[in-house]
Structure formats: C-alpha cells, structure tokens
N, C-alpha and C. Protein backbone atom coordinates (compact mmCIF):
# COMPACT_ATOMS: atom_id res chain seq x y z
N UNK A 1 17.39 13.18 -91.30
CA UNK A 1 18.64 12.74 -90.74
C UNK A 1 18.35 11.78 -89.58
N UNK A 2 19.00 10.64 -89.59
CA UNK A 2 18.78 9.64 -88.55
C UNK A 2 19.68 9.91 -87.36
N UNK A 3 19.16 9.57 -86.20
CA UNK A 3 19.96 9.73 -84.98
C UNK A 3 21.04 8.66 -84.96
N UNK A 4 22.15 9.01 -84.34
CA UNK A 4 23.26 8.06 -84.22
C UNK A 4 22.84 6.91 -83.32
N UNK A 5 23.04 5.73 -83.80
CA UNK A 5 22.75 4.54 -83.02
C UNK A 5 24.02 3.71 -82.98
N UNK A 6 24.58 3.49 -81.80
CA UNK A 6 25.84 2.75 -81.72
C UNK A 6 25.67 1.31 -82.20
N UNK A 7 26.74 0.78 -82.70
CA UNK A 7 26.73 -0.62 -83.13
C UNK A 7 26.50 -1.51 -81.93
N UNK A 8 25.96 -2.67 -82.18
CA UNK A 8 25.62 -3.59 -81.09
C UNK A 8 26.84 -3.94 -80.24
N UNK A 9 28.01 -3.96 -80.85
CA UNK A 9 29.20 -4.33 -80.09
C UNK A 9 29.64 -3.21 -79.15
N UNK A 10 29.19 -1.96 -79.41
CA UNK A 10 29.57 -0.84 -78.56
C UNK A 10 28.61 -0.63 -77.39
N UNK A 11 27.47 -1.27 -77.43
CA UNK A 11 26.48 -1.10 -76.37
C UNK A 11 26.83 -2.02 -75.22
N UNK A 12 26.92 -1.48 -74.00
CA UNK A 12 27.20 -2.37 -72.87
C UNK A 12 26.05 -3.36 -72.68
N UNK A 13 26.37 -4.63 -72.73
CA UNK A 13 25.34 -5.66 -72.64
C UNK A 13 25.23 -6.27 -71.26
N UNK A 14 26.16 -6.07 -70.43
CA UNK A 14 26.09 -6.70 -69.12
C UNK A 14 27.30 -6.34 -68.30
N UNK A 15 27.50 -7.06 -67.27
CA UNK A 15 28.57 -6.81 -66.33
C UNK A 15 29.61 -7.90 -66.48
N UNK A 16 30.86 -7.50 -66.45
CA UNK A 16 31.94 -8.47 -66.57
C UNK A 16 31.92 -9.42 -65.37
N UNK A 17 32.37 -10.62 -65.60
CA UNK A 17 32.43 -11.63 -64.54
C UNK A 17 33.32 -11.13 -63.41
N UNK A 18 32.86 -11.24 -62.19
CA UNK A 18 33.63 -10.83 -61.04
C UNK A 18 33.48 -9.36 -60.70
N UNK A 19 32.70 -8.63 -61.44
CA UNK A 19 32.52 -7.21 -61.20
C UNK A 19 31.58 -7.00 -60.01
N UNK A 20 31.79 -5.88 -59.32
CA UNK A 20 30.91 -5.58 -58.19
C UNK A 20 29.78 -4.63 -58.60
N UNK A 21 29.74 -4.24 -59.88
CA UNK A 21 28.65 -3.41 -60.36
C UNK A 21 27.40 -4.27 -60.42
N UNK A 22 26.28 -3.68 -60.05
CA UNK A 22 25.06 -4.45 -59.94
C UNK A 22 23.99 -3.93 -60.89
N UNK A 23 23.01 -4.76 -61.18
CA UNK A 23 21.87 -4.39 -62.00
C UNK A 23 20.72 -4.01 -61.07
N UNK A 24 20.40 -2.73 -61.00
CA UNK A 24 19.40 -2.26 -60.04
C UNK A 24 18.00 -2.75 -60.37
N UNK A 25 17.69 -2.95 -61.64
CA UNK A 25 16.34 -3.44 -61.96
C UNK A 25 16.15 -4.86 -61.43
N UNK A 26 17.18 -5.69 -61.56
CA UNK A 26 17.08 -7.06 -61.01
C UNK A 26 17.03 -7.04 -59.50
N UNK A 27 17.78 -6.14 -58.90
CA UNK A 27 17.81 -6.06 -57.44
C UNK A 27 16.44 -5.63 -56.90
N UNK A 28 15.85 -4.63 -57.51
CA UNK A 28 14.54 -4.16 -57.05
C UNK A 28 13.49 -5.25 -57.24
N UNK A 29 13.53 -5.91 -58.39
CA UNK A 29 12.57 -7.00 -58.66
C UNK A 29 12.76 -8.13 -57.65
N UNK A 30 14.00 -8.53 -57.41
CA UNK A 30 14.28 -9.62 -56.47
C UNK A 30 13.88 -9.25 -55.05
N UNK A 31 14.14 -8.01 -54.65
CA UNK A 31 13.77 -7.58 -53.31
C UNK A 31 12.26 -7.61 -53.14
N UNK A 32 11.54 -7.13 -54.14
CA UNK A 32 10.07 -7.15 -54.06
C UNK A 32 9.55 -8.58 -53.97
N UNK A 33 10.10 -9.47 -54.78
CA UNK A 33 9.68 -10.88 -54.74
C UNK A 33 9.96 -11.48 -53.37
N UNK A 34 11.16 -11.26 -52.85
CA UNK A 34 11.54 -11.85 -51.57
C UNK A 34 10.69 -11.33 -50.42
N UNK A 35 10.42 -10.04 -50.40
CA UNK A 35 9.62 -9.47 -49.31
C UNK A 35 8.18 -9.96 -49.38
N UNK A 36 7.61 -10.01 -50.58
CA UNK A 36 6.23 -10.48 -50.72
C UNK A 36 6.11 -11.94 -50.30
N UNK A 37 7.04 -12.78 -50.73
CA UNK A 37 6.99 -14.19 -50.35
C UNK A 37 7.18 -14.35 -48.85
N UNK A 38 8.06 -13.56 -48.26
CA UNK A 38 8.27 -13.62 -46.81
C UNK A 38 7.01 -13.26 -46.05
N UNK A 39 6.30 -12.26 -46.53
CA UNK A 39 5.05 -11.87 -45.87
C UNK A 39 3.97 -12.93 -46.09
N UNK A 40 3.92 -13.50 -47.29
CA UNK A 40 2.94 -14.56 -47.57
C UNK A 40 3.17 -15.77 -46.66
N UNK A 41 4.43 -16.04 -46.32
CA UNK A 41 4.74 -17.17 -45.44
C UNK A 41 4.17 -16.98 -44.03
N UNK A 42 3.86 -15.76 -43.65
CA UNK A 42 3.27 -15.50 -42.33
C UNK A 42 1.76 -15.71 -42.31
N UNK A 43 1.12 -15.75 -43.46
CA UNK A 43 -0.34 -15.74 -43.51
C UNK A 43 -1.05 -17.04 -43.17
N UNK A 44 -0.60 -18.21 -43.64
CA UNK A 44 -1.41 -19.42 -43.40
C UNK A 44 -1.49 -19.78 -41.92
N UNK A 45 -2.70 -19.85 -41.37
CA UNK A 45 -2.83 -20.21 -39.96
C UNK A 45 -2.32 -21.63 -39.71
N UNK A 46 -1.73 -21.80 -38.58
CA UNK A 46 -1.23 -23.13 -38.21
C UNK A 46 0.19 -23.37 -38.67
N UNK A 47 0.43 -23.28 -39.97
CA UNK A 47 1.78 -23.55 -40.47
C UNK A 47 2.67 -22.31 -40.43
N UNK A 48 2.10 -21.15 -40.09
CA UNK A 48 2.93 -19.95 -40.06
C UNK A 48 3.98 -20.00 -38.96
N UNK A 49 3.83 -20.90 -37.99
CA UNK A 49 4.86 -21.06 -36.97
C UNK A 49 6.13 -21.65 -37.56
N UNK A 50 6.00 -22.40 -38.64
CA UNK A 50 7.15 -22.97 -39.34
C UNK A 50 7.54 -22.10 -40.53
N UNK A 51 6.55 -21.75 -41.36
CA UNK A 51 6.86 -21.01 -42.58
C UNK A 51 7.22 -19.55 -42.30
N UNK A 52 6.70 -18.97 -41.24
CA UNK A 52 7.00 -17.57 -40.91
C UNK A 52 8.48 -17.31 -40.67
N UNK A 53 9.11 -18.04 -39.73
CA UNK A 53 10.54 -17.82 -39.50
C UNK A 53 11.42 -18.18 -40.70
N UNK A 54 10.94 -19.08 -41.55
CA UNK A 54 11.71 -19.45 -42.74
C UNK A 54 11.37 -18.58 -43.94
N UNK A 55 10.45 -17.63 -43.78
CA UNK A 55 10.01 -16.78 -44.87
C UNK A 55 11.13 -16.05 -45.60
N UNK A 56 12.06 -15.40 -44.89
CA UNK A 56 13.16 -14.73 -45.60
C UNK A 56 14.03 -15.70 -46.40
N UNK A 57 14.21 -16.89 -45.86
CA UNK A 57 14.99 -17.91 -46.56
C UNK A 57 14.28 -18.37 -47.83
N UNK A 58 13.00 -18.66 -47.71
CA UNK A 58 12.21 -19.11 -48.86
C UNK A 58 12.11 -17.99 -49.90
N UNK A 59 11.78 -16.79 -49.44
CA UNK A 59 11.64 -15.66 -50.36
C UNK A 59 12.95 -15.30 -51.03
N UNK A 60 14.04 -15.29 -50.28
CA UNK A 60 15.34 -14.97 -50.86
C UNK A 60 15.78 -15.99 -51.89
N UNK A 61 15.59 -17.27 -51.59
CA UNK A 61 16.00 -18.31 -52.54
C UNK A 61 15.18 -18.21 -53.83
N UNK A 62 13.87 -18.07 -53.68
CA UNK A 62 13.01 -17.98 -54.87
C UNK A 62 13.37 -16.75 -55.69
N UNK A 63 13.57 -15.61 -55.03
CA UNK A 63 13.90 -14.38 -55.75
C UNK A 63 15.25 -14.49 -56.44
N UNK A 64 16.23 -15.07 -55.76
CA UNK A 64 17.56 -15.22 -56.35
C UNK A 64 17.55 -16.14 -57.55
N UNK A 65 16.80 -17.23 -57.46
CA UNK A 65 16.75 -18.17 -58.58
C UNK A 65 15.92 -17.61 -59.73
N UNK A 66 14.88 -16.89 -59.41
CA UNK A 66 14.00 -16.33 -60.46
C UNK A 66 14.71 -15.24 -61.26
N UNK A 67 15.50 -14.41 -60.59
CA UNK A 67 16.17 -13.30 -61.27
C UNK A 67 17.63 -13.59 -61.58
N UNK A 68 18.11 -14.78 -61.23
CA UNK A 68 19.48 -15.22 -61.49
C UNK A 68 20.51 -14.20 -60.97
N UNK A 69 20.42 -13.90 -59.69
CA UNK A 69 21.28 -12.90 -59.08
C UNK A 69 22.72 -13.37 -58.98
N UNK A 70 23.62 -12.43 -59.13
CA UNK A 70 25.04 -12.67 -58.84
C UNK A 70 25.24 -12.43 -57.34
N UNK A 71 26.35 -12.90 -56.78
CA UNK A 71 26.57 -12.75 -55.34
C UNK A 71 26.54 -11.29 -54.86
N UNK A 72 27.10 -10.38 -55.64
CA UNK A 72 27.08 -8.97 -55.23
C UNK A 72 25.66 -8.43 -55.21
N UNK A 73 24.84 -8.85 -56.15
CA UNK A 73 23.44 -8.41 -56.17
C UNK A 73 22.66 -9.03 -55.02
N UNK A 74 22.96 -10.28 -54.70
CA UNK A 74 22.29 -10.94 -53.58
C UNK A 74 22.60 -10.24 -52.26
N UNK A 75 23.82 -9.76 -52.12
CA UNK A 75 24.18 -9.03 -50.90
C UNK A 75 23.38 -7.74 -50.79
N UNK A 76 23.18 -7.06 -51.90
CA UNK A 76 22.39 -5.83 -51.89
C UNK A 76 20.92 -6.15 -51.60
N UNK A 77 20.42 -7.25 -52.14
CA UNK A 77 19.04 -7.67 -51.85
C UNK A 77 18.88 -7.93 -50.35
N UNK A 78 19.84 -8.62 -49.75
CA UNK A 78 19.79 -8.86 -48.31
C UNK A 78 19.79 -7.57 -47.51
N UNK A 79 20.62 -6.62 -47.93
CA UNK A 79 20.68 -5.33 -47.25
C UNK A 79 19.35 -4.59 -47.38
N UNK A 80 18.77 -4.60 -48.57
CA UNK A 80 17.48 -3.93 -48.76
C UNK A 80 16.37 -4.61 -47.97
N UNK A 81 16.40 -5.94 -47.91
CA UNK A 81 15.40 -6.65 -47.11
C UNK A 81 15.52 -6.26 -45.64
N UNK A 82 16.74 -6.13 -45.16
CA UNK A 82 16.96 -5.73 -43.77
C UNK A 82 16.43 -4.32 -43.52
N UNK A 83 16.70 -3.42 -44.46
CA UNK A 83 16.27 -2.04 -44.29
C UNK A 83 14.77 -1.86 -44.45
N UNK A 84 14.16 -2.64 -45.34
CA UNK A 84 12.73 -2.47 -45.62
C UNK A 84 11.83 -3.22 -44.65
N UNK A 85 12.31 -4.32 -44.09
CA UNK A 85 11.45 -5.14 -43.23
C UNK A 85 12.06 -5.32 -41.84
N UNK A 86 13.31 -5.71 -41.78
CA UNK A 86 13.92 -6.05 -40.50
C UNK A 86 13.95 -4.92 -39.50
N UNK A 87 14.32 -3.73 -39.95
CA UNK A 87 14.40 -2.59 -39.03
C UNK A 87 13.02 -2.04 -38.68
N UNK A 88 12.14 -1.78 -39.67
CA UNK A 88 10.86 -1.16 -39.31
C UNK A 88 9.84 -2.09 -38.66
N UNK A 89 9.97 -3.39 -38.80
CA UNK A 89 8.94 -4.31 -38.29
C UNK A 89 8.66 -4.13 -36.79
N UNK A 90 9.66 -4.13 -35.90
CA UNK A 90 9.35 -3.95 -34.48
C UNK A 90 8.73 -2.58 -34.18
N UNK A 91 9.14 -1.56 -34.91
CA UNK A 91 8.59 -0.23 -34.69
C UNK A 91 7.11 -0.20 -35.08
N UNK A 92 6.79 -0.78 -36.23
CA UNK A 92 5.40 -0.83 -36.69
C UNK A 92 4.56 -1.68 -35.75
N UNK A 93 5.10 -2.81 -35.31
CA UNK A 93 4.35 -3.67 -34.39
C UNK A 93 4.06 -2.95 -33.07
N UNK A 94 4.99 -2.14 -32.60
CA UNK A 94 4.75 -1.39 -31.37
C UNK A 94 3.70 -0.29 -31.59
N UNK A 95 3.78 0.38 -32.72
CA UNK A 95 2.82 1.45 -33.00
C UNK A 95 1.41 0.92 -33.21
N UNK A 96 1.28 -0.29 -33.71
CA UNK A 96 -0.03 -0.91 -33.91
C UNK A 96 -0.53 -1.62 -32.65
N UNK A 97 0.20 -1.50 -31.56
CA UNK A 97 -0.13 -2.12 -30.27
C UNK A 97 -0.19 -3.64 -30.35
N UNK A 98 0.56 -4.22 -31.26
CA UNK A 98 0.68 -5.68 -31.32
C UNK A 98 1.71 -6.13 -30.30
N UNK A 99 2.77 -5.36 -30.15
CA UNK A 99 3.75 -5.59 -29.09
C UNK A 99 3.31 -4.79 -27.87
N UNK A 100 3.56 -5.32 -26.69
CA UNK A 100 3.24 -4.54 -25.49
C UNK A 100 4.17 -3.33 -25.40
N UNK A 101 3.79 -2.33 -24.62
CA UNK A 101 4.68 -1.17 -24.47
C UNK A 101 6.02 -1.60 -23.87
N UNK A 102 7.07 -1.36 -24.60
CA UNK A 102 8.41 -1.70 -24.12
C UNK A 102 9.32 -0.49 -24.34
N UNK A 103 10.45 -0.54 -23.69
CA UNK A 103 11.40 0.57 -23.76
C UNK A 103 11.95 0.74 -25.18
N UNK A 104 12.39 1.93 -25.46
CA UNK A 104 12.95 2.24 -26.78
C UNK A 104 14.20 1.42 -27.06
N UNK A 105 15.01 1.18 -26.05
CA UNK A 105 16.24 0.40 -26.26
C UNK A 105 15.89 -1.02 -26.68
N UNK A 106 14.79 -1.55 -26.18
CA UNK A 106 14.36 -2.89 -26.59
C UNK A 106 13.92 -2.89 -28.05
N UNK A 107 13.25 -1.83 -28.48
CA UNK A 107 12.85 -1.71 -29.88
C UNK A 107 14.08 -1.62 -30.77
N UNK A 108 15.07 -0.87 -30.35
CA UNK A 108 16.33 -0.77 -31.11
C UNK A 108 16.99 -2.15 -31.20
N UNK A 109 17.00 -2.88 -30.10
CA UNK A 109 17.59 -4.22 -30.09
C UNK A 109 16.83 -5.15 -31.04
N UNK A 110 15.50 -5.16 -30.94
CA UNK A 110 14.70 -6.03 -31.82
C UNK A 110 14.83 -5.64 -33.29
N UNK A 111 14.97 -4.35 -33.55
CA UNK A 111 15.18 -3.90 -34.93
C UNK A 111 16.52 -4.39 -35.46
N UNK A 112 17.56 -4.32 -34.63
CA UNK A 112 18.88 -4.79 -35.06
C UNK A 112 18.88 -6.29 -35.30
N UNK A 113 18.28 -7.03 -34.38
CA UNK A 113 18.20 -8.48 -34.53
C UNK A 113 17.35 -8.84 -35.75
N UNK A 114 16.22 -8.16 -35.92
CA UNK A 114 15.36 -8.41 -37.07
C UNK A 114 16.06 -8.11 -38.39
N UNK A 115 16.83 -7.03 -38.42
CA UNK A 115 17.55 -6.68 -39.64
C UNK A 115 18.62 -7.73 -39.95
N UNK A 116 19.36 -8.15 -38.95
CA UNK A 116 20.39 -9.18 -39.17
C UNK A 116 19.76 -10.49 -39.61
N UNK A 117 18.67 -10.88 -38.97
CA UNK A 117 18.00 -12.13 -39.30
C UNK A 117 17.39 -12.08 -40.69
N UNK A 118 16.57 -11.08 -40.93
CA UNK A 118 15.85 -10.99 -42.20
C UNK A 118 16.81 -10.76 -43.35
N UNK A 119 17.72 -9.81 -43.20
CA UNK A 119 18.67 -9.51 -44.26
C UNK A 119 19.68 -10.62 -44.47
N UNK A 120 20.14 -11.22 -43.38
CA UNK A 120 21.12 -12.30 -43.50
C UNK A 120 20.55 -13.52 -44.19
N UNK A 121 19.41 -13.99 -43.71
CA UNK A 121 18.79 -15.16 -44.35
C UNK A 121 18.40 -14.86 -45.79
N UNK A 122 17.80 -13.69 -46.01
CA UNK A 122 17.37 -13.34 -47.36
C UNK A 122 18.53 -13.20 -48.33
N UNK A 123 19.59 -12.54 -47.90
CA UNK A 123 20.75 -12.35 -48.78
C UNK A 123 21.49 -13.64 -49.09
N UNK A 124 21.70 -14.45 -48.07
CA UNK A 124 22.38 -15.73 -48.29
C UNK A 124 21.55 -16.63 -49.20
N UNK A 125 20.25 -16.71 -48.94
CA UNK A 125 19.38 -17.55 -49.77
C UNK A 125 19.29 -17.02 -51.19
N UNK A 126 19.27 -15.69 -51.36
CA UNK A 126 19.24 -15.12 -52.71
C UNK A 126 20.51 -15.47 -53.47
N UNK A 127 21.64 -15.45 -52.78
CA UNK A 127 22.89 -15.84 -53.42
C UNK A 127 22.90 -17.30 -53.82
N UNK A 128 22.39 -18.16 -52.93
CA UNK A 128 22.33 -19.59 -53.26
C UNK A 128 21.36 -19.86 -54.40
N UNK A 129 20.21 -19.18 -54.38
CA UNK A 129 19.24 -19.35 -55.46
C UNK A 129 19.78 -18.86 -56.79
N UNK A 130 20.46 -17.72 -56.78
CA UNK A 130 21.05 -17.20 -58.00
C UNK A 130 22.13 -18.11 -58.55
N UNK A 131 22.93 -18.65 -57.65
CA UNK A 131 23.99 -19.57 -58.07
C UNK A 131 23.40 -20.85 -58.67
N UNK A 132 22.36 -21.37 -58.05
CA UNK A 132 21.72 -22.58 -58.58
C UNK A 132 21.11 -22.31 -59.95
N UNK A 133 20.49 -21.15 -60.13
CA UNK A 133 19.88 -20.83 -61.42
C UNK A 133 20.94 -20.63 -62.50
N UNK A 134 22.07 -20.07 -62.15
CA UNK A 134 23.13 -19.85 -63.13
C UNK A 134 23.79 -21.17 -63.52
N UNK A 135 23.83 -22.12 -62.61
CA UNK A 135 24.39 -23.43 -62.94
C UNK A 135 23.48 -24.20 -63.88
N UNK A 136 22.16 -24.06 -63.69
CA UNK A 136 21.21 -24.77 -64.53
C UNK A 136 21.23 -24.28 -65.96
N UNK A 137 21.32 -22.97 -66.14
CA UNK A 137 21.24 -22.40 -67.48
C UNK A 137 22.33 -21.33 -67.62
N UNK A 138 23.50 -21.70 -68.11
CA UNK A 138 24.57 -20.71 -68.24
C UNK A 138 24.19 -19.64 -69.26
N UNK A 139 24.67 -18.41 -68.99
CA UNK A 139 24.34 -17.30 -69.90
C UNK A 139 25.29 -17.16 -71.05
C-alpha cells in the first residue's frame, strides 16, 4: 500500500504576495551570509577603516540579493543581525580586554547603538538587495 501523497496543486509552494509569513531557511542562510561578510570586511588591514563600518551594508545587500529576500524577511534578517552581533559585540570586546574597563551603562549604550547600526544597515541593505534580485529575475 502506497502512502498518500498530495497532488502538486495541494502542496503549499510558497508565500502569497504581500504576506508577512517568512521562509526561515532563507532567513537563516541570509543572516549567516550577512554576518560572515560583515566580519570579513573587518579583516583586511588598512582598508578595514572603510570596509569595516560598511560591512553590515555590504553583507546585507549581498545576502538579500543572493537569497532573493522579501521585505518582511529582510526585516527579520536585520533583527537577527542586531541580536547576534550588534548587542553582544561590546560585551565580548570588554571581556577580551579589547575595550578599556568602562561602566556597565556604557556597555548597554554601546550594545544598543551597535544593534541599531548593525541591524538597521543590514536589514535595509538586505531588503534593497532582495528587491534588486527580484526585479532582475521574476519568479
């Protein structure tokens, strides 16, 4: 006896246009791409003064265009980038003694600013990259 297999028309193939439901596999892939590219932008000596601050923008755009993110997915990618890098970065830098000893309130402030910066640039760029990729090749 064969297992029931729904007809192709009954299988959900995607998300309706304008829906706020997101594809978590694309979001996780895009977040990983954006974070890795952002970190890579910090590595080259000399040019890291320019590429480092633009890292979230470069990483977000590349990730959005590579995975063809919708705006709702790009917003989630920006939020995840903020949570994964923006908030913990000042805390990790302080624990590794890269930052001088500073008050806890300053760390909270730098974490908030880092999260807004990293998540904001990454999310906006991911949305722009996804939009550009969708315009090039409609689905």
